Amino acid sequence: MSLVLQMFDPVNKMTIDVFIEPKSAGERELTAFHFLKLMPISIVLASQLP
């Protein structure tokens, strides 16, 4: 099994960043890597699908 995290820009309708890692990878750790790519004025909406 794998874990997929995606950072999507809804204004420009494009994926900015994506991680595909083993299920053993920590979701919070990968999310922290996404935040490193954000601009200081960015607005973040997070959701988790079941």
N, C-alpha and C. Protein backbone atom coordinates (compact mmCIF):
# COMPACT_ATOMS: atom_id res chain seq x y z
N MET A 1 0.84 -1.18 0.00
CA MET A 1 0.00 0.00 0.00
C MET A 1 0.88 1.24 0.00
N SER A 2 0.31 2.33 -0.49
CA SER A 2 1.07 3.58 -0.53
C SER A 2 0.23 4.73 -0.01
N LEU A 3 0.92 5.82 0.28
CA LEU A 3 0.31 7.03 0.78
C LEU A 3 0.58 8.13 -0.26
N VAL A 4 -0.46 8.83 -0.70
CA VAL A 4 -0.32 9.88 -1.70
C VAL A 4 -0.81 11.20 -1.09
N LEU A 5 0.04 12.20 -1.08
CA LEU A 5 -0.34 13.53 -0.62
C LEU A 5 -0.12 14.50 -1.77
N GLN A 6 -1.09 15.37 -1.99
CA GLN A 6 -1.04 16.30 -3.12
C GLN A 6 -1.32 17.71 -2.63
N MET A 7 -0.52 18.67 -3.11
CA MET A 7 -0.81 20.08 -2.87
C MET A 7 -1.31 20.65 -4.19
N PHE A 8 -2.54 21.18 -4.17
CA PHE A 8 -3.21 21.62 -5.39
C PHE A 8 -3.51 23.11 -5.32
N ASP A 9 -3.28 23.81 -6.40
CA ASP A 9 -3.58 25.23 -6.52
C ASP A 9 -4.92 25.37 -7.26
N PRO A 10 -6.02 25.66 -6.54
CA PRO A 10 -7.32 25.73 -7.20
C PRO A 10 -7.49 26.94 -8.12
N VAL A 11 -6.75 28.01 -7.88
CA VAL A 11 -6.85 29.19 -8.73
C VAL A 11 -6.29 28.90 -10.12
N ASN A 12 -5.11 28.28 -10.15
CA ASN A 12 -4.47 27.96 -11.43
C ASN A 12 -4.78 26.55 -11.92
N LYS A 13 -5.56 25.82 -11.13
CA LYS A 13 -5.99 24.46 -11.46
C LYS A 13 -4.81 23.55 -11.83
N MET A 14 -3.83 23.50 -10.92
CA MET A 14 -2.67 22.64 -11.15
C MET A 14 -2.11 22.10 -9.84
N THR A 15 -1.50 20.93 -9.93
CA THR A 15 -0.83 20.33 -8.78
C THR A 15 0.53 21.00 -8.61
N ILE A 16 0.81 21.45 -7.40
CA ILE A 16 2.09 22.10 -7.11
C ILE A 16 3.12 21.09 -6.64
N ASP A 17 2.68 20.15 -5.81
CA ASP A 17 3.60 19.18 -5.22
C ASP A 17 2.84 17.90 -4.92
N VAL A 18 3.52 16.77 -5.05
CA VAL A 18 2.90 15.49 -4.74
C VAL A 18 3.95 14.54 -4.15
N PHE A 19 3.53 13.76 -3.18
CA PHE A 19 4.38 12.73 -2.59
C PHE A 19 3.67 11.39 -2.72
N ILE A 20 4.40 10.38 -3.15
CA ILE A 20 3.92 9.00 -3.16
C ILE A 20 4.95 8.21 -2.36
N GLU A 21 4.54 7.78 -1.20
CA GLU A 21 5.44 7.12 -0.27
C GLU A 21 4.81 5.83 0.26
N PRO A 22 5.63 4.96 0.87
CA PRO A 22 5.06 3.77 1.51
C PRO A 22 4.10 4.17 2.63
N LYS A 23 3.14 3.32 2.89
CA LYS A 23 2.13 3.58 3.93
C LYS A 23 2.79 3.82 5.29
N SER A 24 3.97 3.29 5.49
CA SER A 24 4.67 3.46 6.76
C SER A 24 5.17 4.89 6.97
N ALA A 25 5.23 5.69 5.91
CA ALA A 25 5.67 7.08 6.04
C ALA A 25 4.64 7.87 6.83
N GLY A 26 5.11 8.81 7.61
CA GLY A 26 4.19 9.61 8.43
C GLY A 26 3.51 10.70 7.60
N GLU A 27 2.18 10.73 7.67
CA GLU A 27 1.41 11.73 6.92
C GLU A 27 1.76 13.14 7.38
N ARG A 28 1.95 13.32 8.67
CA ARG A 28 2.28 14.65 9.19
C ARG A 28 3.66 15.10 8.73
N GLU A 29 4.61 14.19 8.66
CA GLU A 29 5.95 14.54 8.16
C GLU A 29 5.88 14.99 6.71
N LEU A 30 5.16 14.26 5.89
CA LEU A 30 5.05 14.62 4.48
C LEU A 30 4.32 15.95 4.30
N THR A 31 3.31 16.19 5.13
CA THR A 31 2.59 17.46 5.08
C THR A 31 3.54 18.61 5.42
N ALA A 32 4.43 18.40 6.36
CA ALA A 32 5.40 19.43 6.73
C ALA A 32 6.30 19.78 5.53
N PHE A 33 6.65 18.79 4.72
CA PHE A 33 7.45 19.07 3.53
C PHE A 33 6.67 19.91 2.53
N HIS A 34 5.35 19.71 2.43
CA HIS A 34 4.52 20.55 1.56
C HIS A 34 4.59 22.01 2.03
N PHE A 35 4.52 22.22 3.32
CA PHE A 35 4.51 23.58 3.86
C PHE A 35 5.80 24.33 3.56
N LEU A 36 6.89 23.62 3.36
CA LEU A 36 8.16 24.28 3.02
C LEU A 36 8.09 24.95 1.65
N LYS A 37 7.17 24.53 0.80
CA LYS A 37 7.05 25.08 -0.56
C LYS A 37 6.02 26.19 -0.67
N LEU A 38 5.39 26.56 0.44
CA LEU A 38 4.37 27.60 0.41
C LEU A 38 4.99 28.99 0.54
N MET A 39 4.32 29.98 -0.01
CA MET A 39 4.71 31.37 0.14
C MET A 39 4.17 31.87 1.48
N PRO A 40 4.78 32.89 2.06
CA PRO A 40 4.32 33.39 3.37
C PRO A 40 2.87 33.86 3.39
N ILE A 41 2.31 34.27 2.26
CA ILE A 41 0.94 34.78 2.24
C ILE A 41 -0.05 33.72 1.78
N SER A 42 0.35 32.46 1.72
CA SER A 42 -0.51 31.39 1.24
C SER A 42 -1.63 31.08 2.22
N ILE A 43 -2.76 30.66 1.67
CA ILE A 43 -3.90 30.19 2.46
C ILE A 43 -4.00 28.69 2.23
N VAL A 44 -4.14 27.92 3.29
CA VAL A 44 -4.15 26.47 3.19
C VAL A 44 -5.50 25.92 3.64
N LEU A 45 -6.07 25.05 2.83
CA LEU A 45 -7.27 24.32 3.19
C LEU A 45 -6.89 22.84 3.15
N ALA A 46 -6.96 22.17 4.27
CA ALA A 46 -6.56 20.77 4.34
C ALA A 46 -7.79 19.88 4.49
N SER A 47 -7.76 18.77 3.77
CA SER A 47 -8.84 17.80 3.91
C SER A 47 -8.26 16.40 3.82
N GLN A 48 -8.93 15.47 4.42
CA GLN A 48 -8.48 14.09 4.41
C GLN A 48 -9.63 13.21 3.99
N LEU A 49 -9.39 12.42 2.97
CA LEU A 49 -10.42 11.50 2.51
C LEU A 49 -10.32 10.20 3.28
N PRO A 50 -11.45 9.55 3.57
CA PRO A 50 -11.41 8.31 4.36
C PRO A 50 -10.74 7.18 3.60
